[in-house]
């Protein structure tokens, strides 16, 4: 089974910082954070077949978890040339044995809701 685990419009700070704010509603599409920790790691494969290591963290204290994604996020954003308004998706594949794998895509809005993979904008 395949499903979109997370979809987000990239903000200016997402494109330029070491982390991307992660939609709270998307946390349920990932394994539970282990007891005593405030993060989990996962690997996602991009459209070119490259593996990226990411880390999703939440606040340790406070009412709101405010998750963010780091790890190789900054490098991914730089190599893909991400800009404000681009769209990032994590697509989850769940195997019959419950094992999850993830793909990451980044798209740019060409015009009138036509989204093109950012790799097609590479020079």
N, C-alpha and C. Protein backbone atom coordinates (compact mmCIF):
# COMPACT_ATOMS: atom_id res chain seq x y z
N UNK A 1 0.84 -1.18 0.00
CA UNK A 1 0.00 0.00 0.00
C UNK A 1 0.89 1.25 0.00
N UNK A 2 0.52 2.22 -0.81
CA UNK A 2 1.28 3.46 -0.89
C UNK A 2 0.38 4.63 -0.51
N UNK A 3 0.94 5.58 0.25
CA UNK A 3 0.17 6.75 0.67
C UNK A 3 1.11 7.93 0.90
N UNK A 4 0.58 9.14 0.76
CA UNK A 4 1.35 10.34 1.07
C UNK A 4 1.41 10.47 2.58
N UNK A 5 2.62 10.37 3.14
CA UNK A 5 2.81 10.45 4.58
C UNK A 5 2.93 11.90 5.05
N UNK A 6 3.46 12.76 4.17
CA UNK A 6 3.63 14.17 4.51
C UNK A 6 3.70 14.96 3.22
N UNK A 7 3.03 16.11 3.21
CA UNK A 7 3.09 17.04 2.08
C UNK A 7 3.16 18.43 2.66
N UNK A 8 4.08 19.24 2.13
CA UNK A 8 4.27 20.57 2.69
C UNK A 8 4.77 21.53 1.64
N UNK A 9 4.26 22.75 1.69
CA UNK A 9 4.78 23.84 0.88
C UNK A 9 6.01 24.38 1.61
N UNK A 10 7.11 24.48 0.91
CA UNK A 10 8.37 24.92 1.50
C UNK A 10 8.33 26.41 1.81
N UNK A 11 8.70 26.77 3.04
CA UNK A 11 8.80 28.17 3.42
C UNK A 11 10.22 28.67 3.13
N UNK A 12 10.41 29.96 3.22
CA UNK A 12 11.75 30.52 3.00
C UNK A 12 12.74 29.93 4.00
N UNK A 13 12.33 29.83 5.27
CA UNK A 13 13.25 29.29 6.28
C UNK A 13 13.50 27.79 6.06
N UNK A 14 12.49 27.05 5.59
CA UNK A 14 12.69 25.63 5.27
C UNK A 14 13.77 25.47 4.20
N UNK A 15 13.75 26.35 3.20
CA UNK A 15 14.68 26.25 2.08
C UNK A 15 16.10 26.65 2.44
N UNK A 16 16.27 27.43 3.51
CA UNK A 16 17.60 27.95 3.81
C UNK A 16 18.18 27.48 5.13
N UNK A 17 17.39 26.85 5.98
CA UNK A 17 17.87 26.42 7.29
C UNK A 17 18.23 24.94 7.31
N UNK A 18 18.73 24.49 8.44
CA UNK A 18 19.13 23.09 8.61
C UNK A 18 17.96 22.17 8.89
N UNK A 19 16.77 22.73 8.96
CA UNK A 19 15.61 21.91 9.24
C UNK A 19 14.37 22.46 8.54
N UNK A 20 13.37 21.59 8.41
CA UNK A 20 12.09 21.97 7.82
C UNK A 20 11.02 21.72 8.88
N UNK A 21 10.17 22.72 9.08
CA UNK A 21 9.04 22.49 9.98
C UNK A 21 8.21 21.34 9.42
N UNK A 22 7.81 20.46 10.30
CA UNK A 22 7.14 19.22 9.90
C UNK A 22 5.69 19.29 10.35
N UNK A 23 4.73 19.07 9.45
CA UNK A 23 3.32 19.16 9.84
C UNK A 23 2.96 18.17 10.95
N UNK A 24 2.41 18.68 12.02
CA UNK A 24 2.03 17.85 13.17
C UNK A 24 1.12 16.69 12.75
N UNK A 25 0.17 16.97 11.86
CA UNK A 25 -0.78 15.93 11.46
C UNK A 25 -0.12 14.76 10.74
N UNK A 26 1.11 14.96 10.27
CA UNK A 26 1.82 13.90 9.54
C UNK A 26 2.56 12.93 10.47
N UNK A 27 2.74 13.29 11.72
CA UNK A 27 3.49 12.43 12.64
C UNK A 27 2.90 11.03 12.75
N UNK A 28 1.59 10.92 12.66
CA UNK A 28 0.94 9.62 12.78
C UNK A 28 1.26 8.66 11.66
N UNK A 29 1.85 9.15 10.57
CA UNK A 29 2.21 8.29 9.44
C UNK A 29 3.59 7.69 9.58
N UNK A 30 4.23 7.89 10.72
CA UNK A 30 5.57 7.40 10.96
C UNK A 30 5.57 6.55 12.22
N UNK A 31 6.62 5.76 12.41
CA UNK A 31 6.68 4.94 13.64
C UNK A 31 6.61 5.84 14.88
N UNK A 32 6.11 5.28 15.96
CA UNK A 32 6.06 6.02 17.22
C UNK A 32 7.47 6.37 17.67
N UNK A 33 7.60 7.52 18.28
CA UNK A 33 8.89 7.93 18.83
C UNK A 33 9.18 7.02 20.03
N UNK A 34 10.37 6.41 20.06
CA UNK A 34 10.69 5.51 21.18
C UNK A 34 10.60 6.22 22.53
N UNK A 35 10.19 5.48 23.55
CA UNK A 35 10.07 6.02 24.91
C UNK A 35 11.40 6.62 25.35
N UNK A 36 11.33 7.79 25.96
CA UNK A 36 12.53 8.45 26.47
C UNK A 36 13.26 9.27 25.42
N UNK A 37 12.78 9.27 24.18
CA UNK A 37 13.41 10.05 23.12
C UNK A 37 12.43 11.07 22.57
N UNK A 38 12.95 12.05 21.84
CA UNK A 38 12.08 13.02 21.20
C UNK A 38 12.33 13.06 19.69
N UNK A 39 12.80 11.96 19.13
CA UNK A 39 13.11 11.92 17.69
C UNK A 39 13.04 10.49 17.16
N UNK A 40 12.99 10.39 15.83
CA UNK A 40 13.19 9.12 15.15
C UNK A 40 13.91 9.41 13.85
N UNK A 41 14.64 8.43 13.36
CA UNK A 41 15.38 8.56 12.10
C UNK A 41 14.71 7.69 11.04
N UNK A 42 14.82 8.11 9.80
CA UNK A 42 14.34 7.29 8.70
C UNK A 42 15.12 7.65 7.44
N UNK A 43 15.03 6.81 6.45
CA UNK A 43 15.69 7.03 5.17
C UNK A 43 14.61 7.16 4.11
N UNK A 44 14.79 8.12 3.20
CA UNK A 44 13.87 8.29 2.07
C UNK A 44 14.71 8.32 0.79
N UNK A 45 14.18 7.75 -0.26
CA UNK A 45 14.85 7.70 -1.55
C UNK A 45 14.22 8.73 -2.47
N UNK A 46 15.06 9.54 -3.13
CA UNK A 46 14.53 10.57 -4.03
C UNK A 46 14.24 10.00 -5.41
N UNK A 47 13.78 10.85 -6.32
CA UNK A 47 13.39 10.40 -7.66
C UNK A 47 14.57 9.92 -8.49
N UNK A 48 15.79 10.26 -8.07
CA UNK A 48 16.99 9.82 -8.78
C UNK A 48 17.58 8.55 -8.16
N UNK A 49 16.93 8.03 -7.11
CA UNK A 49 17.40 6.81 -6.45
C UNK A 49 18.40 7.05 -5.33
N UNK A 50 18.65 8.29 -4.98
CA UNK A 50 19.59 8.60 -3.91
C UNK A 50 18.92 8.48 -2.55
N UNK A 51 19.64 7.90 -1.61
CA UNK A 51 19.13 7.72 -0.25
C UNK A 51 19.51 8.93 0.61
N UNK A 52 18.52 9.42 1.38
CA UNK A 52 18.71 10.56 2.27
C UNK A 52 18.32 10.17 3.68
N UNK A 53 19.19 10.47 4.65
CA UNK A 53 18.89 10.18 6.05
C UNK A 53 18.27 11.40 6.71
N UNK A 54 17.08 11.23 7.26
CA UNK A 54 16.39 12.33 7.91
C UNK A 54 16.10 11.98 9.37
N UNK A 55 15.88 13.01 10.14
CA UNK A 55 15.56 12.88 11.56
C UNK A 55 14.37 13.79 11.84
N UNK A 56 13.32 13.23 12.42
CA UNK A 56 12.17 14.04 12.83
C UNK A 56 12.22 14.15 14.35
N UNK A 57 12.21 15.38 14.84
CA UNK A 57 12.30 15.66 16.27
C UNK A 57 11.09 16.46 16.73
N UNK A 58 10.81 16.34 18.02
CA UNK A 58 9.76 17.14 18.63
C UNK A 58 10.32 17.79 19.89
N UNK A 59 9.62 18.80 20.37
CA UNK A 59 10.03 19.43 21.63
C UNK A 59 9.95 18.41 22.75
N UNK A 60 10.87 18.53 23.69
CA UNK A 60 10.86 17.63 24.84
C UNK A 60 9.83 18.05 25.88
N UNK A 61 9.56 19.34 25.95
CA UNK A 61 8.62 19.86 26.94
C UNK A 61 7.61 20.77 26.25
N UNK A 62 6.51 21.01 26.93
CA UNK A 62 5.50 21.92 26.39
C UNK A 62 4.30 21.18 25.86
N UNK A 63 3.24 21.92 25.68
CA UNK A 63 1.99 21.36 25.20
C UNK A 63 2.03 20.97 23.74
N UNK A 64 2.72 21.76 22.96
CA UNK A 64 2.76 21.53 21.51
C UNK A 64 4.07 20.89 21.13
N UNK A 65 4.00 19.81 20.38
CA UNK A 65 5.21 19.07 20.02
C UNK A 65 6.07 19.80 19.00
N UNK A 66 5.46 20.58 18.10
CA UNK A 66 6.17 21.36 17.08
C UNK A 66 7.28 20.55 16.40
N UNK A 67 6.95 19.54 15.62
CA UNK A 67 7.98 18.72 14.99
C UNK A 67 8.74 19.44 13.88
N UNK A 68 9.96 18.97 13.64
CA UNK A 68 10.77 19.45 12.53
C UNK A 68 11.60 18.30 12.00
N UNK A 69 12.02 18.43 10.74
CA UNK A 69 12.83 17.41 10.08
C UNK A 69 14.22 17.97 9.81
N UNK A 70 15.23 17.24 10.23
CA UNK A 70 16.62 17.66 10.02
C UNK A 70 17.40 16.51 9.41
N UNK A 71 18.56 16.21 9.93
CA UNK A 71 19.40 15.18 9.32
C UNK A 71 20.01 15.77 8.06
N UNK A 72 19.79 15.15 6.93
CA UNK A 72 20.33 15.64 5.66
C UNK A 72 19.41 16.62 4.95
N UNK A 73 18.46 17.19 5.70
CA UNK A 73 17.51 18.12 5.08
C UNK A 73 18.20 19.27 4.36
N UNK A 74 19.12 19.97 5.01
CA UNK A 74 19.77 21.15 4.41
C UNK A 74 20.47 20.78 3.11
N UNK A 75 21.16 19.67 3.12
CA UNK A 75 21.86 19.22 1.91
C UNK A 75 20.87 18.89 0.79
N UNK A 76 19.79 18.22 1.17
CA UNK A 76 18.74 17.89 0.20
C UNK A 76 18.17 19.17 -0.41
N UNK A 77 17.81 20.14 0.45
CA UNK A 77 17.23 21.41 -0.03
C UNK A 77 18.19 22.15 -0.95
N UNK A 78 19.47 22.15 -0.61
CA UNK A 78 20.47 22.83 -1.44
C UNK A 78 20.64 22.13 -2.78
N UNK A 79 20.81 20.82 -2.74
CA UNK A 79 21.04 20.07 -3.99
C UNK A 79 19.84 20.12 -4.92
N UNK A 80 18.65 20.20 -4.37
CA UNK A 80 17.44 20.27 -5.20
C UNK A 80 17.11 21.72 -5.57
N UNK A 81 17.82 22.68 -4.98
CA UNK A 81 17.56 24.09 -5.28
C UNK A 81 16.19 24.53 -4.82
N UNK A 82 15.75 24.04 -3.67
CA UNK A 82 14.40 24.35 -3.20
C UNK A 82 14.23 25.83 -2.90
N UNK A 83 13.03 26.31 -3.21
CA UNK A 83 12.65 27.71 -3.00
C UNK A 83 11.32 27.76 -2.28
N UNK A 84 11.03 28.93 -1.72
CA UNK A 84 9.73 29.14 -1.10
C UNK A 84 8.64 28.83 -2.12
N UNK A 85 7.65 28.06 -1.69
CA UNK A 85 6.53 27.71 -2.57
C UNK A 85 6.67 26.35 -3.23
N UNK A 86 7.89 25.77 -3.25
CA UNK A 86 8.03 24.42 -3.76
C UNK A 86 7.27 23.47 -2.85
N UNK A 87 6.98 22.28 -3.34
CA UNK A 87 6.22 21.30 -2.56
C UNK A 87 7.08 20.06 -2.33
N UNK A 88 7.12 19.62 -1.09
CA UNK A 88 7.85 18.40 -0.73
C UNK A 88 6.83 17.37 -0.27
N UNK A 89 7.02 16.14 -0.74
CA UNK A 89 6.15 15.03 -0.32
C UNK A 89 7.02 13.87 0.13
N UNK A 90 6.56 13.21 1.18
CA UNK A 90 7.11 11.93 1.59
C UNK A 90 6.04 10.90 1.31
N UNK A 91 6.35 9.94 0.48
CA UNK A 91 5.41 8.88 0.13
C UNK A 91 5.82 7.62 0.86
N UNK A 92 4.88 7.03 1.58
CA UNK A 92 5.16 5.84 2.39
C UNK A 92 4.65 4.60 1.67
N UNK A 93 5.48 3.58 1.65
CA UNK A 93 5.10 2.27 1.11
C UNK A 93 5.11 1.31 2.30
N UNK A 94 3.99 0.63 2.53
CA UNK A 94 3.90 -0.35 3.62
C UNK A 94 3.81 -1.73 3.00
N UNK A 95 4.80 -2.56 3.34
CA UNK A 95 4.84 -3.94 2.83
C UNK A 95 3.86 -4.81 3.62
N UNK A 96 3.59 -5.99 3.12
CA UNK A 96 2.68 -6.92 3.78
C UNK A 96 3.11 -7.27 5.20
N UNK A 97 4.41 -7.24 5.46
CA UNK A 97 4.92 -7.56 6.80
C UNK A 97 4.96 -6.33 7.72
N UNK A 98 4.42 -5.19 7.25
CA UNK A 98 4.36 -3.97 8.05
C UNK A 98 5.58 -3.07 7.94
N UNK A 99 6.61 -3.50 7.21
CA UNK A 99 7.81 -2.68 7.05
C UNK A 99 7.48 -1.48 6.16
N UNK A 100 7.92 -0.30 6.63
CA UNK A 100 7.65 0.94 5.90
C UNK A 100 8.92 1.41 5.18
N UNK A 101 8.73 1.93 3.98
CA UNK A 101 9.81 2.60 3.27
C UNK A 101 9.25 3.92 2.75
N UNK A 102 10.16 4.87 2.49
CA UNK A 102 9.73 6.21 2.12
C UNK A 102 10.44 6.70 0.87
N UNK A 103 9.71 7.45 0.07
CA UNK A 103 10.27 8.18 -1.07
C UNK A 103 10.05 9.66 -0.80
N UNK A 104 10.98 10.50 -1.26
CA UNK A 104 10.81 11.94 -1.12
C UNK A 104 10.82 12.57 -2.50
N UNK A 105 9.87 13.47 -2.73
CA UNK A 105 9.81 14.20 -3.98
C UNK A 105 9.74 15.69 -3.68
N UNK A 106 10.26 16.48 -4.60
CA UNK A 106 10.18 17.94 -4.50
C UNK A 106 9.71 18.45 -5.85
N UNK A 107 8.72 19.33 -5.82
CA UNK A 107 8.13 19.84 -7.06
C UNK A 107 8.02 21.36 -7.01
N UNK A 108 8.02 21.94 -8.18
CA UNK A 108 7.85 23.39 -8.31
C UNK A 108 6.60 23.64 -9.14
N UNK A 109 5.83 24.62 -8.73
CA UNK A 109 4.61 24.98 -9.45
C UNK A 109 4.99 25.76 -10.70
N UNK A 110 4.85 25.13 -11.85
CA UNK A 110 5.20 25.76 -13.12
C UNK A 110 4.21 26.88 -13.42
N UNK A 111 2.93 26.54 -13.42
CA UNK A 111 1.87 27.52 -13.65
C UNK A 111 0.52 26.82 -13.47
N UNK A 112 -0.41 27.54 -12.98
CA UNK A 112 -1.79 27.06 -12.86
C UNK A 112 -1.88 25.63 -12.32
N UNK A 113 -1.25 25.39 -11.20
CA UNK A 113 -1.29 24.10 -10.50
C UNK A 113 -0.68 22.94 -11.29
N UNK A 114 0.27 23.25 -12.14
CA UNK A 114 1.03 22.20 -12.83
C UNK A 114 2.36 22.09 -12.11
N UNK A 115 2.57 20.96 -11.43
CA UNK A 115 3.77 20.76 -10.61
C UNK A 115 4.78 19.92 -11.39
N UNK A 116 6.00 20.38 -11.41
CA UNK A 116 7.09 19.72 -12.14
C UNK A 116 8.18 19.32 -11.14
N UNK A 117 8.76 18.12 -11.26
CA UNK A 117 9.86 17.74 -10.36
C UNK A 117 10.99 18.78 -10.44
N UNK A 118 11.55 19.16 -9.29
CA UNK A 118 12.59 20.19 -9.27
C UNK A 118 13.82 19.76 -10.06
N UNK A 119 14.05 18.47 -10.21
CA UNK A 119 15.20 18.00 -10.98
C UNK A 119 15.13 18.47 -12.43
N UNK A 120 13.94 18.73 -12.94
CA UNK A 120 13.79 19.18 -14.31
C UNK A 120 14.18 20.65 -14.49
N UNK A 121 14.39 21.35 -13.36
CA UNK A 121 14.83 22.75 -13.42
C UNK A 121 16.34 22.87 -13.32
N UNK A 122 17.03 21.73 -13.12
CA UNK A 122 18.49 21.75 -12.97
C UNK A 122 19.14 22.25 -14.25
N UNK A 123 20.21 22.98 -14.04
CA UNK A 123 20.92 23.55 -15.19
C UNK A 123 21.99 22.59 -15.65
